[in-house]
Each structure stands twice: as C-alpha cells, then as structure tokens.
Amino acid sequence: RPEDLPSQILHTLLRQMEQERVRKGPGSTLLLDLLFRQLLLNLLRYSFDDTLLQNHSGATEENALLDQAISFIQDNTESPLKIPDICQHLHISESYLHKTFAAKMNLSPNYMILLCKVKRAEQLLKTGNYSIKEISEQLCFSSQYYFSTVFKRYYGISPRLFQKSLLAPHKPTSSTWEIHKE
C-alpha cells in the first residue's frame, strides 16, 4: 500500500544498516555513514504530517534538492564533476547548494563528491579488473597520487593495500577499515 511505503523504506534502511554493522567489511563504516544520512533524510521527509509539510514546503524542497544532488553526483562519479556542474543541473546557486548540504547533512557537496567517488573506487578495486592508475583516471582524479591520498583518508589504507588484502587468504580486522573523516 502506498501509505506503507515510508515504513518499508525505513525498515529496509535499518535492515541494511544492521547487516553492514555485522558484516564489518571494507568500506562498512562509509556505507553505514551514508545509510544513516539517508535514514535521517527519510525520517525528516516522512515524520511530518500533511499539514506540517504544507507549512514547511521549504524543508520538502531542500530534501528533494538533496536527493537530486546526490543522485546526480552518484550518476557522474566517472566525470570531472565540480560544484558548478551540480548547480547548473539543479538550477540553483552554489551558496544555496552549500547551505543546504551543511544544514541537512552536516557536510559539504565536495565531501559528498569524494565519498561517492571513493565508494565507486572500492567497487572497482573489488573487481580486480583495474589498476590503481586506471581507476584514478576513470574517476577523473587529477593524479594517481591524489586518488591514493583521498582513498587513504577515507579508508585508512592505500588503494594498493586494499586491493592486495582482497586477494589475501585471511580477512583483515574491522578496525583496519575505519573511515577517517576530515
């Protein structure tokens, strides 16, 4: 039923968070962080009744804006994405985009771009089909060194060691994979 959709979405997110918490694999902390932010965004969206939503249409617009911005970022991880590109796509100013991200998610759009690129890099590294150089080029990092620096900032391990650990017969401890937030 359509009215059950918010409840289903929240239950799905909570189930995904619990599975990821138990799994404790590479990137789990990053994924948990993103799932938690998505959960908060959905709670904001669905916690108001129709009357409140009509009185706070700006909140709904900001949530929709964030959804569109994040979708655009995720769809464009393999392009040299910049803040003006997002703003042009959404027909908003840079200051409004920054303000909305800061107010609703407590992070910057640039941080979200890097989060999405690093998550995509993790997926590519797991395939074992790409070199570090190919991944850094595919995700439009300015250099392989910068890509490695950003990846290490988020995972606490270089992409090369991350890739090697996937080929190793033993699993690393969960503490190895803690995300290092700026």
Protein backbone atom coordinates (compact mmCIF):
# COMPACT_ATOMS: atom_id res chain seq x y z
CA ARG A 1 0.00 0.00 0.00
CA PRO A 2 1.30 3.49 -0.81
CA GLU A 3 0.87 4.75 2.77
CA ASP A 4 3.14 1.92 3.98
CA LEU A 5 5.97 2.99 1.66
CA PRO A 6 7.72 5.26 4.21
CA SER A 7 7.67 2.48 6.77
CA GLN A 8 9.04 -0.03 4.23
CA ILE A 9 11.83 2.32 3.21
CA LEU A 10 12.84 2.94 6.83
CA HIS A 11 12.75 -0.77 7.67
CA THR A 12 14.86 -1.56 4.59
CA LEU A 13 17.44 1.06 5.56
CA LEU A 14 17.58 -0.21 9.14
CA ARG A 15 17.98 -3.79 7.93
CA GLN A 16 20.79 -2.73 5.57
CA MET A 17 22.50 -0.85 8.39
CA GLU A 18 22.31 -3.86 10.71
CA GLN A 19 23.65 -6.20 8.02
CA GLU A 20 26.54 -3.85 7.31
CA ARG A 21 27.26 -3.38 11.03
CA VAL A 22 27.53 -7.14 11.46
CA ARG A 23 29.48 -7.67 8.23
CA LYS A 24 32.24 -5.16 9.09
CA GLY A 25 33.86 -5.46 5.66
CA PRO A 26 35.88 -2.97 3.67
CA GLY A 27 34.02 0.30 3.45
CA SER A 28 31.42 -0.68 6.04
CA THR A 29 31.88 2.48 8.03
CA LEU A 30 31.50 4.61 4.91
CA LEU A 31 28.39 2.72 3.86
CA LEU A 32 26.95 2.92 7.38
CA ASP A 33 27.53 6.66 7.37
CA LEU A 34 25.73 7.06 4.03
CA LEU A 35 22.87 4.77 5.10
CA PHE A 36 22.50 6.70 8.35
CA ARG A 37 22.33 10.01 6.48
CA GLN A 38 19.76 8.51 4.09
CA LEU A 39 17.77 7.28 7.09
CA LEU A 40 17.82 10.75 8.63
CA LEU A 41 16.76 12.31 5.36
CA ASN A 42 13.85 9.86 5.07
CA LEU A 43 12.86 10.43 8.69
CA LEU A 44 12.76 14.17 8.02
CA ARG A 45 10.71 13.62 4.92
CA TYR A 46 8.16 11.24 6.44
CA SER A 47 7.95 12.43 10.03
CA PHE A 48 5.70 15.39 9.30
CA ASP A 49 2.00 15.03 8.62
CA ASP A 50 0.46 16.68 5.55
CA THR A 51 -0.39 19.88 7.40
CA LEU A 52 3.16 20.38 8.61
CA LEU A 53 4.55 19.62 5.17
CA GLN A 54 2.33 22.27 3.64
CA ASN A 55 3.52 24.78 6.25
CA HIS A 56 7.18 23.81 5.74
CA SER A 57 7.35 23.38 1.99
CA GLY A 58 10.95 24.68 2.06
CA ALA A 59 12.02 21.60 4.04
CA THR A 60 10.48 19.34 1.41
CA GLU A 61 12.15 21.32 -1.36
CA GLU A 62 15.52 21.05 0.39
CA ASN A 63 15.11 17.28 0.82
CA ALA A 64 14.16 16.91 -2.84
CA LEU A 65 17.14 19.07 -3.77
CA LEU A 66 19.48 16.85 -1.74
CA ASP A 67 18.04 13.73 -3.35
CA GLN A 68 18.57 15.21 -6.80
CA ALA A 69 22.06 16.44 -5.98
CA ILE A 70 23.17 13.10 -4.53
CA SER A 71 21.68 11.17 -7.45
CA PHE A 72 23.45 13.49 -9.88
CA ILE A 73 26.74 13.03 -8.03
CA GLN A 74 26.36 9.23 -7.97
CA ASP A 75 25.49 9.17 -11.67
CA ASN A 76 28.55 11.25 -12.52
CA THR A 77 31.35 9.74 -10.42
CA GLU A 78 33.21 8.93 -13.62
CA SER A 79 33.24 12.51 -14.86
CA PRO A 80 35.24 15.54 -13.68
CA LEU A 81 32.33 16.74 -11.55
CA LYS A 82 32.53 20.19 -9.98
CA ILE A 83 30.11 22.18 -7.81
CA PRO A 84 29.08 24.47 -10.71
CA ASP A 85 28.04 21.37 -12.70
CA ILE A 86 25.67 20.29 -9.92
CA CYS A 87 24.29 23.82 -9.54
CA GLN A 88 23.73 24.19 -13.26
CA HIS A 89 21.93 20.82 -13.37
CA LEU A 90 19.70 21.78 -10.42
CA HIS A 91 19.31 25.45 -11.47
CA ILE A 92 20.47 26.78 -8.09
CA SER A 93 23.31 28.92 -6.78
CA GLU A 94 26.48 27.49 -5.31
CA SER A 95 25.84 29.20 -1.99
CA TYR A 96 22.36 27.63 -1.76
CA LEU A 97 23.79 24.18 -2.52
CA HIS A 98 26.49 24.59 0.16
CA LYS A 99 23.98 25.94 2.67
CA THR A 100 21.53 23.08 2.07
CA PHE A 101 24.22 20.38 2.38
CA ALA A 102 25.57 21.97 5.55
CA ALA A 103 22.15 22.38 7.14
CA LYS A 104 20.69 18.98 6.23
CA MET A 105 23.71 16.68 6.08
CA ASN A 106 26.44 18.47 8.01
CA LEU A 107 28.91 18.09 5.17
CA SER A 108 29.92 19.89 2.01
CA PRO A 109 28.98 18.96 -1.56
CA ASN A 110 32.69 18.44 -2.28
CA TYR A 111 32.86 15.93 0.56
CA MET A 112 29.87 14.09 -0.94
CA ILE A 113 31.53 14.03 -4.36
CA LEU A 114 34.64 12.46 -2.86
CA LEU A 115 32.57 10.00 -0.79
CA CYS A 116 30.77 8.79 -3.90
CA LYS A 117 34.00 8.56 -5.90
CA VAL A 118 35.75 6.62 -3.14
CA LYS A 119 32.79 4.24 -2.84
CA ARG A 120 32.91 3.71 -6.62
CA ALA A 121 36.66 3.14 -6.38
CA GLU A 122 36.04 0.46 -3.75
CA GLN A 123 33.66 -1.30 -6.16
CA LEU A 124 36.19 -1.12 -8.98
CA LEU A 125 39.02 -2.36 -6.75
CA LYS A 126 36.91 -5.33 -5.67
CA THR A 127 36.51 -6.47 -9.27
CA GLY A 128 40.28 -6.87 -9.59
CA ASN A 129 39.99 -5.83 -13.24
CA TYR A 130 41.56 -2.38 -12.95
CA SER A 131 44.89 -0.96 -11.89
CA ILE A 132 45.08 1.91 -9.41
CA LYS A 133 46.08 4.19 -12.28
CA GLU A 134 43.09 3.11 -14.40
CA ILE A 135 40.69 3.70 -11.51
CA SER A 136 42.13 7.13 -10.74
CA GLU A 137 41.76 8.09 -14.41
CA GLN A 138 38.28 6.57 -14.72
CA LEU A 139 37.08 8.54 -11.67
CA CYS A 140 38.72 11.73 -13.01
CA PHE A 141 41.14 12.33 -10.15
CA SER A 142 43.84 14.83 -11.08
CA SER A 143 46.54 12.24 -10.40
CA GLN A 144 47.07 8.73 -9.10
CA TYR A 145 48.78 10.24 -6.06
CA TYR A 146 45.75 12.42 -5.23
CA PHE A 147 43.42 9.45 -5.66
CA SER A 148 45.56 7.37 -3.30
CA THR A 149 45.65 10.21 -0.77
CA VAL A 150 41.87 10.63 -0.82
CA PHE A 151 41.25 6.88 -0.65
CA LYS A 152 43.61 6.53 2.30
CA ARG A 153 41.92 9.46 4.06
CA TYR A 154 38.59 7.63 3.95
CA TYR A 155 39.72 4.05 4.49
CA GLY A 156 42.93 4.46 6.45
CA ILE A 157 44.70 2.23 3.93
CA SER A 158 46.08 2.82 0.46
CA PRO A 159 44.13 1.51 -2.53
CA ARG A 160 47.01 -0.83 -3.35
CA LEU A 161 46.98 -2.41 0.10
CA PHE A 162 43.18 -2.54 -0.03
CA GLN A 163 43.34 -4.40 -3.34
CA LYS A 164 46.06 -6.75 -2.08
CA SER A 165 44.09 -7.52 1.07
CA LEU A 166 41.17 -8.64 -1.07
CA LEU A 167 43.43 -11.22 -2.69
CA ALA A 168 44.90 -12.35 0.64
CA PRO A 169 43.57 -15.60 2.13
CA HIS A 170 42.80 -14.02 5.54
CA LYS A 171 40.33 -11.24 6.33
CA PRO A 172 41.56 -8.04 7.96
CA THR A 173 40.12 -6.95 11.26
CA SER A 174 37.30 -4.42 11.20
CA SER A 175 39.48 -1.78 12.82
CA THR A 176 41.66 -1.77 9.69
CA TRP A 177 38.75 -0.40 7.68
CA GLU A 178 37.66 2.53 9.83
CA ILE A 179 36.84 5.57 7.73
CA HIS A 180 38.81 8.67 8.60
CA LYS A 181 36.52 11.68 8.31
CA GLU A 182 38.03 15.13 7.81
